[in-house]
N, C-alpha and C. Protein backbone atom coordinates (compact mmCIF):
# COMPACT_ATOMS: atom_id res chain seq x y z
N UNK A 1 -16.38 -15.34 -24.79
CA UNK A 1 -14.99 -15.42 -24.80
C UNK A 1 -14.13 -14.94 -24.79
N UNK A 2 -13.18 -14.97 -23.90
CA UNK A 2 -11.77 -14.13 -23.51
C UNK A 2 -10.54 -14.40 -24.03
N UNK A 3 -9.78 -13.70 -24.93
CA UNK A 3 -8.26 -13.76 -25.28
C UNK A 3 -7.64 -12.94 -24.87
N UNK A 4 -6.26 -13.95 -24.76
CA UNK A 4 -5.50 -12.62 -23.71
C UNK A 4 -4.37 -12.31 -24.75
N UNK A 5 -4.14 -10.88 -25.58
CA UNK A 5 -3.37 -10.75 -26.84
C UNK A 5 -1.66 -9.96 -26.11
N UNK A 6 -0.50 -10.29 -26.58
CA UNK A 6 0.28 -9.66 -26.43
C UNK A 6 0.72 -9.22 -27.39
N UNK A 7 1.13 -7.49 -27.14
CA UNK A 7 0.95 -6.49 -28.49
C UNK A 7 2.53 -5.69 -27.58
N UNK A 8 3.14 -5.25 -28.72
CA UNK A 8 4.45 -4.37 -27.97
C UNK A 8 4.16 -3.20 -27.45
N UNK A 9 4.19 -2.48 -26.47
CA UNK A 9 3.59 -1.16 -25.85
C UNK A 9 3.52 -0.24 -27.01
N UNK A 10 4.35 0.34 -27.96
CA UNK A 10 4.30 1.08 -28.74
C UNK A 10 2.67 0.89 -29.76
N UNK A 11 1.92 -0.04 -29.77
CA UNK A 11 0.96 -0.56 -30.88
C UNK A 11 -0.45 -1.00 -29.52
N UNK A 12 0.06 -1.06 -28.67
CA UNK A 12 -1.59 -1.23 -27.20
C UNK A 12 -2.34 -0.23 -27.80
N UNK A 13 -2.62 1.29 -27.57
CA UNK A 13 -3.41 2.10 -27.75
C UNK A 13 -4.10 1.73 -29.10
N UNK A 14 -3.44 1.46 -30.18
CA UNK A 14 -4.15 1.03 -31.47
C UNK A 14 -5.05 0.22 -31.38
N UNK A 15 -4.42 -1.00 -30.87
CA UNK A 15 -4.78 -2.12 -31.01
C UNK A 15 -6.26 -2.19 -29.82
N UNK A 16 -5.74 -1.46 -29.04
CA UNK A 16 -7.53 -1.21 -27.52
C UNK A 16 -8.63 -0.59 -28.67
N UNK A 17 -7.82 0.30 -28.70
CA UNK A 17 -8.91 1.83 -29.87
C UNK A 17 -9.92 0.13 -30.91
N UNK A 18 -9.27 0.25 -32.22
CA UNK A 18 -9.61 -1.31 -32.76
C UNK A 18 -10.51 -2.51 -32.20
N UNK A 19 -10.21 -2.71 -31.11
CA UNK A 19 -11.28 -3.66 -30.66
C UNK A 19 -12.61 -3.33 -29.99
N UNK A 20 -11.94 -1.89 -29.41
CA UNK A 20 -13.14 -1.89 -28.72
C UNK A 20 -14.14 -0.67 -30.02
N UNK A 21 -13.82 -0.72 -31.26
CA UNK A 21 -14.63 0.15 -32.18
C UNK A 21 -15.62 -1.18 -32.80
N UNK A 22 -15.32 -2.75 -32.15
CA UNK A 22 -16.18 -3.86 -32.68
C UNK A 22 -17.38 -3.33 -31.78
N UNK A 23 -18.98 -3.53 -32.01
CA UNK A 23 -19.47 -3.34 -30.60
C UNK A 23 -20.15 -5.26 -30.00
N UNK A 24 -19.15 -6.29 -30.62
CA UNK A 24 -19.08 -7.12 -30.18
C UNK A 24 -18.50 -7.78 -29.02
N UNK A 25 -16.78 -6.61 -28.75
CA UNK A 25 -15.90 -6.86 -27.84
C UNK A 25 -15.41 -5.47 -27.31
N UNK A 26 -15.16 -6.10 -26.05
CA UNK A 26 -14.65 -4.84 -25.15
C UNK A 26 -13.19 -5.22 -24.94
N UNK A 27 -12.28 -4.60 -24.56
CA UNK A 27 -10.71 -4.65 -24.51
C UNK A 27 -10.80 -3.70 -23.16
N UNK A 28 -9.80 -4.49 -22.54
CA UNK A 28 -8.79 -3.14 -21.55
C UNK A 28 -7.47 -3.95 -21.79
N UNK A 29 -6.52 -2.78 -21.36
CA UNK A 29 -5.57 -3.55 -20.78
C UNK A 29 -5.11 -3.94 -19.18
N UNK A 30 -3.91 -4.46 -19.09
CA UNK A 30 -3.67 -4.50 -17.68
C UNK A 30 -2.37 -5.01 -17.80
N UNK A 31 -2.05 -4.57 -15.90
CA UNK A 31 -0.54 -4.14 -15.70
C UNK A 31 0.47 -5.00 -16.39
N UNK A 32 1.91 -4.70 -16.34
CA UNK A 32 2.75 -5.71 -15.89
C UNK A 32 2.58 -6.57 -14.69
N UNK A 33 2.21 -6.22 -13.87
CA UNK A 33 2.47 -7.33 -12.52
C UNK A 33 1.15 -8.41 -13.06
N UNK A 34 0.21 -7.27 -13.50
CA UNK A 34 -0.95 -8.23 -13.30
C UNK A 34 -0.84 -9.61 -14.25
N UNK A 35 -0.02 -9.09 -15.52
CA UNK A 35 0.44 -9.95 -16.68
C UNK A 35 1.34 -11.09 -16.65
N UNK A 36 2.67 -10.72 -15.07
CA UNK A 36 3.10 -11.25 -14.90
C UNK A 36 2.65 -12.60 -14.54
N UNK A 37 1.74 -12.39 -13.27
CA UNK A 37 0.51 -13.11 -12.04
C UNK A 37 0.16 -14.30 -13.24
N UNK A 38 -0.88 -13.99 -14.08
CA UNK A 38 -1.73 -14.29 -15.13
C UNK A 38 -0.43 -15.81 -15.76
N UNK A 39 0.52 -15.42 -16.35
CA UNK A 39 1.67 -16.73 -17.30
C UNK A 39 2.14 -17.34 -16.01
N UNK A 40 2.27 -17.05 -14.59
CA UNK A 40 2.83 -17.68 -13.95
C UNK A 40 1.85 -18.54 -12.83
N UNK A 41 0.34 -18.09 -13.10
CA UNK A 41 -0.44 -19.35 -12.84
C UNK A 41 -0.82 -20.27 -14.03
N UNK A 42 -0.63 -19.75 -15.33
CA UNK A 42 -0.81 -20.76 -16.45
C UNK A 42 0.19 -21.59 -16.51
N UNK A 43 1.88 -21.85 -15.99
CA UNK A 43 2.29 -22.37 -15.87
C UNK A 43 2.18 -23.10 -14.92
N UNK A 44 1.39 -22.77 -13.68
CA UNK A 44 1.28 -23.71 -12.24
C UNK A 44 -0.09 -24.91 -12.90
N UNK A 45 -0.82 -24.50 -13.96
CA UNK A 45 -2.10 -25.48 -13.97
C UNK A 45 -1.36 -26.03 -15.57
N UNK A 46 -0.42 -25.64 -16.40
CA UNK A 46 0.05 -26.84 -16.73
C UNK A 46 1.19 -27.33 -16.45
N UNK A 47 2.12 -27.29 -15.21
CA UNK A 47 2.97 -28.54 -14.42
C UNK A 47 1.51 -29.26 -13.40
N UNK A 48 0.42 -28.59 -13.25
CA UNK A 48 -0.95 -29.88 -12.39
C UNK A 48 -0.98 -30.60 -13.29
N UNK A 49 -1.25 -30.23 -14.36
CA UNK A 49 -1.28 -31.12 -15.87
C UNK A 49 -0.69 -32.70 -15.49
N UNK A 50 0.45 -31.74 -15.85
CA UNK A 50 1.84 -33.00 -16.27
C UNK A 50 1.86 -33.73 -15.22
N UNK A 51 1.24 -33.08 -13.92
CA UNK A 51 1.53 -34.02 -12.44
C UNK A 51 0.75 -35.62 -13.23
N UNK A 52 -0.19 -34.42 -13.25
CA UNK A 52 -1.81 -35.91 -13.39
C UNK A 52 -1.49 -36.37 -14.32
N UNK A 53 -0.30 -36.25 -15.21
CA UNK A 53 -0.83 -37.44 -16.81
C UNK A 53 0.65 -38.41 -16.11
N UNK A 54 1.76 -38.17 -14.94
CA UNK A 54 2.33 -38.49 -14.94
C UNK A 54 3.36 -38.29 -15.19
N UNK A 55 3.56 -36.96 -16.58
CA UNK A 55 5.11 -36.43 -16.92
C UNK A 55 5.61 -35.96 -15.82
N UNK A 56 5.55 -35.36 -14.75
CA UNK A 56 6.14 -34.94 -13.92
C UNK A 56 6.35 -35.03 -12.47
N UNK A 57 6.68 -35.07 -11.85
CA UNK A 57 7.14 -35.85 -10.31
C UNK A 57 6.99 -34.69 -9.51
N UNK A 58 5.55 -34.69 -8.56
CA UNK A 58 5.62 -33.73 -7.90
C UNK A 58 6.38 -33.64 -6.81
N UNK A 59 6.44 -32.53 -5.49
CA UNK A 59 7.17 -32.54 -4.39
C UNK A 59 6.18 -32.40 -3.35
N UNK A 60 6.35 -33.29 -2.18
CA UNK A 60 5.52 -33.69 -1.12
C UNK A 60 5.51 -31.94 -0.38
N UNK A 61 4.20 -32.05 0.03
CA UNK A 61 3.80 -30.42 0.45
C UNK A 61 4.59 -30.48 2.12
N UNK A 62 5.18 -31.17 2.74
CA UNK A 62 6.13 -30.98 3.72
C UNK A 62 7.65 -30.47 3.37
N UNK A 63 8.02 -31.61 1.87
CA UNK A 63 9.13 -30.76 1.74
C UNK A 63 9.01 -29.31 1.28
N UNK A 64 8.06 -28.41 0.77
CA UNK A 64 8.00 -26.87 0.23
C UNK A 64 7.26 -26.75 2.13
N UNK A 65 6.56 -27.72 2.58
CA UNK A 65 6.70 -26.08 3.86
C UNK A 65 7.85 -26.24 4.39
N UNK A 66 8.91 -26.62 4.70
CA UNK A 66 9.94 -26.98 5.55
C UNK A 66 10.73 -25.57 4.74
N UNK A 67 10.88 -25.88 3.42
CA UNK A 67 11.86 -24.28 3.05
C UNK A 67 11.35 -23.24 3.22
N UNK A 68 10.53 -23.24 3.52
CA UNK A 68 10.08 -21.41 3.80
C UNK A 68 9.99 -21.38 5.57
């Protein structure tokens, strides 16, 4: 199982050391850019699920391409 945990910068090293001290767990830090990318992907998936449920209206791909 993978778990994403958000920790204050000044406690990050402590948490990584603690988690890595367990034989059943490994932990590594990710860059702020990767963390932001993960959040954006998570939001996109949530929006897609809302569209599938009919709770959010999707934009046609042509409209999106026209903006580019």
